[in-house]
């Protein structure tokens, strides 16, 4: 589950300011949840959400409730946008047809992104989170888009 996450930042006029592609870590919490949903008849989570992460090391031990090394970035309108995925094909699934979009409404530093089971708050499951190569700045009026791909592959 070492998956590429592509984030693009556009200014208020639609010009590309920066783009980041890096690979996520799946959290222990996320992998345990996936096993329970798939093999243990635990109720499946119908909708997942994309969130933004601030600076600080992301780790497999992170959970939705506990990620002390970093905070979630919330300088955008509304809640975490839904991760609207296409049907899986060739061992991959992504939101390529409906990118998660963030209307930035304040200056902030973004250093990653993740997939949560809840639209806001610290309840639920943090499935995966990515660390950028370096933190990036966003400004009021910018728009961020996130393409999140999940691939299951045998080593």
Protein backbone atom coordinates (compact mmCIF):
# COMPACT_ATOMS: atom_id res chain seq x y z
CA UNK A 1 0.00 0.00 0.00
CA UNK A 2 2.87 2.37 -0.79
CA UNK A 3 0.75 4.74 -2.85
CA UNK A 4 1.36 7.90 -4.88
CA UNK A 5 -0.41 11.06 -3.81
CA UNK A 6 -0.41 14.00 -6.23
CA UNK A 7 -1.22 17.46 -4.89
CA UNK A 8 -1.42 20.56 -7.09
CA UNK A 9 -1.80 24.16 -5.94
CA UNK A 10 -3.40 26.75 -8.21
CA UNK A 11 -3.50 30.48 -7.51
CA UNK A 12 -6.72 32.54 -7.61
CA UNK A 13 -6.33 32.92 -11.39
CA UNK A 14 -5.98 29.17 -12.01
CA UNK A 15 -2.22 29.19 -12.61
CA UNK A 16 -0.26 26.21 -11.29
CA UNK A 17 1.90 27.43 -8.36
CA UNK A 18 3.41 24.10 -7.34
CA UNK A 19 2.88 20.39 -7.48
CA UNK A 20 4.00 17.55 -5.21
CA UNK A 21 3.99 13.80 -5.80
CA UNK A 22 5.08 11.56 -2.97
CA UNK A 23 4.23 8.19 -1.45
CA UNK A 24 2.05 7.63 1.60
CA UNK A 25 2.41 5.39 4.62
CA UNK A 26 -0.59 3.29 5.56
CA UNK A 27 -1.22 3.52 9.26
CA UNK A 28 -1.49 0.49 11.51
CA UNK A 29 -5.00 1.73 12.34
CA UNK A 30 -5.89 1.85 8.62
CA UNK A 31 -4.52 -1.59 7.79
CA UNK A 32 -6.26 -3.17 10.79
CA UNK A 33 -9.53 -1.52 9.76
CA UNK A 34 -9.12 -2.76 6.19
CA UNK A 35 -8.59 -6.33 7.38
CA UNK A 36 -11.68 -6.13 9.58
CA UNK A 37 -13.85 -4.67 6.76
CA UNK A 38 -12.63 -7.27 4.28
CA UNK A 39 -12.32 -10.45 6.32
CA UNK A 40 -14.13 -10.02 9.64
CA UNK A 41 -17.56 -8.73 8.58
CA UNK A 42 -17.06 -5.37 10.27
CA UNK A 43 -19.36 -2.75 8.75
CA UNK A 44 -17.64 -1.12 5.81
CA UNK A 45 -17.03 2.64 5.79
CA UNK A 46 -19.02 3.91 2.81
CA UNK A 47 -17.28 7.26 2.35
CA UNK A 48 -13.66 8.25 2.93
CA UNK A 49 -12.40 11.84 3.07
CA UNK A 50 -9.19 13.61 2.07
CA UNK A 51 -7.53 15.95 4.55
CA UNK A 52 -4.41 18.11 4.62
CA UNK A 53 -1.53 17.65 7.03
CA UNK A 54 0.90 20.19 8.43
CA UNK A 55 4.64 19.88 8.93
CA UNK A 56 6.01 17.07 11.06
CA UNK A 57 6.91 13.43 10.54
CA UNK A 58 4.08 11.12 9.49
CA UNK A 59 4.26 7.57 10.88
CA UNK A 60 2.48 4.21 10.75
CA UNK A 61 1.53 4.65 14.43
CA UNK A 62 -0.54 7.78 13.60
CA UNK A 63 -4.29 7.53 14.18
CA UNK A 64 -7.19 9.85 13.52
CA UNK A 65 -7.21 10.67 17.24
CA UNK A 66 -3.45 10.82 17.81
CA UNK A 67 -0.78 12.26 15.53
CA UNK A 68 1.22 14.43 17.91
CA UNK A 69 4.08 15.13 15.45
CA UNK A 70 1.80 17.08 13.09
CA UNK A 71 -1.55 18.86 13.00
CA UNK A 72 -4.26 18.87 10.37
CA UNK A 73 -4.41 21.97 8.15
CA UNK A 74 -7.93 23.43 8.09
CA UNK A 75 -7.43 26.72 6.22
CA UNK A 76 -10.08 25.84 3.65
CA UNK A 77 -13.83 26.19 3.19
CA UNK A 78 -16.03 23.37 4.51
CA UNK A 79 -15.11 19.93 5.78
CA UNK A 80 -12.70 17.37 4.37
CA UNK A 81 -13.86 16.64 0.82
CA UNK A 82 -15.04 13.13 0.03
CA UNK A 83 -12.65 10.76 -1.73
CA UNK A 84 -14.89 9.77 -4.63
CA UNK A 85 -13.20 6.75 -6.11
CA UNK A 86 -13.62 5.00 -9.44
CA UNK A 87 -14.05 1.22 -9.57
CA UNK A 88 -10.87 -0.72 -8.88
CA UNK A 89 -8.95 -2.03 -11.87
CA UNK A 90 -5.58 -3.78 -12.17
CA UNK A 91 -5.15 -3.79 -8.36
CA UNK A 92 -5.60 0.02 -8.08
CA UNK A 93 -8.34 2.42 -7.11
CA UNK A 94 -8.23 6.23 -7.19
CA UNK A 95 -10.24 9.41 -7.33
CA UNK A 96 -8.93 10.26 -10.79
CA UNK A 97 -12.42 11.12 -12.05
CA UNK A 98 -13.22 13.43 -9.14
CA UNK A 99 -10.18 15.04 -7.51
CA UNK A 100 -10.55 16.21 -3.92
CA UNK A 101 -10.55 20.00 -4.04
CA UNK A 102 -9.77 22.51 -1.28
CA UNK A 103 -10.76 26.21 -1.56
CA UNK A 104 -8.01 27.77 0.57
CA UNK A 105 -9.28 30.64 2.73
CA UNK A 106 -6.16 31.61 4.66
CA UNK A 107 -2.39 31.50 4.55
CA UNK A 108 -1.01 28.15 5.72
CA UNK A 109 1.76 25.61 5.35
CA UNK A 110 0.78 22.23 3.92
CA UNK A 111 3.19 19.32 4.26
CA UNK A 112 1.05 16.30 3.40
CA UNK A 113 -2.38 14.78 2.89
CA UNK A 114 -4.28 11.77 4.16
CA UNK A 115 -7.44 9.72 3.98
CA UNK A 116 -9.81 9.80 6.98
CA UNK A 117 -13.06 7.92 7.61
CA UNK A 118 -14.82 11.06 8.91
CA UNK A 119 -15.47 14.44 7.29
CA UNK A 120 -14.05 16.29 10.31
CA UNK A 121 -12.62 15.79 13.78
CA UNK A 122 -10.55 13.02 15.33
CA UNK A 123 -13.04 10.15 15.44
CA UNK A 124 -12.82 7.22 13.07
CA UNK A 125 -9.83 5.93 11.13
CA UNK A 126 -6.81 7.58 9.52
CA UNK A 127 -6.10 5.08 6.72
CA UNK A 128 -2.99 6.64 5.23
CA UNK A 129 -0.97 9.84 5.24
CA UNK A 130 1.77 11.27 3.02
CA UNK A 131 4.70 13.54 3.84
CA UNK A 132 5.78 16.03 1.17
CA UNK A 133 9.47 16.33 0.33
CA UNK A 134 9.26 19.77 1.95
CA UNK A 135 6.43 21.92 3.36
CA UNK A 136 4.58 24.12 0.85
CA UNK A 137 2.78 27.42 1.38
CA UNK A 138 -0.77 28.21 0.33
CA UNK A 139 -2.53 31.57 0.35
CA UNK A 140 -6.09 32.80 0.59
CA UNK A 141 -7.73 32.24 -2.81
CA UNK A 142 -5.59 29.24 -3.80
CA UNK A 143 -7.13 25.90 -4.73
CA UNK A 144 -5.51 22.55 -3.93
CA UNK A 145 -6.44 19.37 -5.76
CA UNK A 146 -5.51 15.91 -4.51
CA UNK A 147 -5.32 12.73 -6.58
CA UNK A 148 -5.03 9.78 -4.18
CA UNK A 149 -4.34 6.32 -5.62
CA UNK A 150 -4.39 3.12 -3.60
CA UNK A 151 -2.71 0.06 -5.08
CA UNK A 152 -2.56 -3.44 -3.65
CA UNK A 153 0.54 -5.18 -4.91
CA UNK A 154 2.38 -8.32 -3.97
CA UNK A 155 6.05 -7.81 -3.22
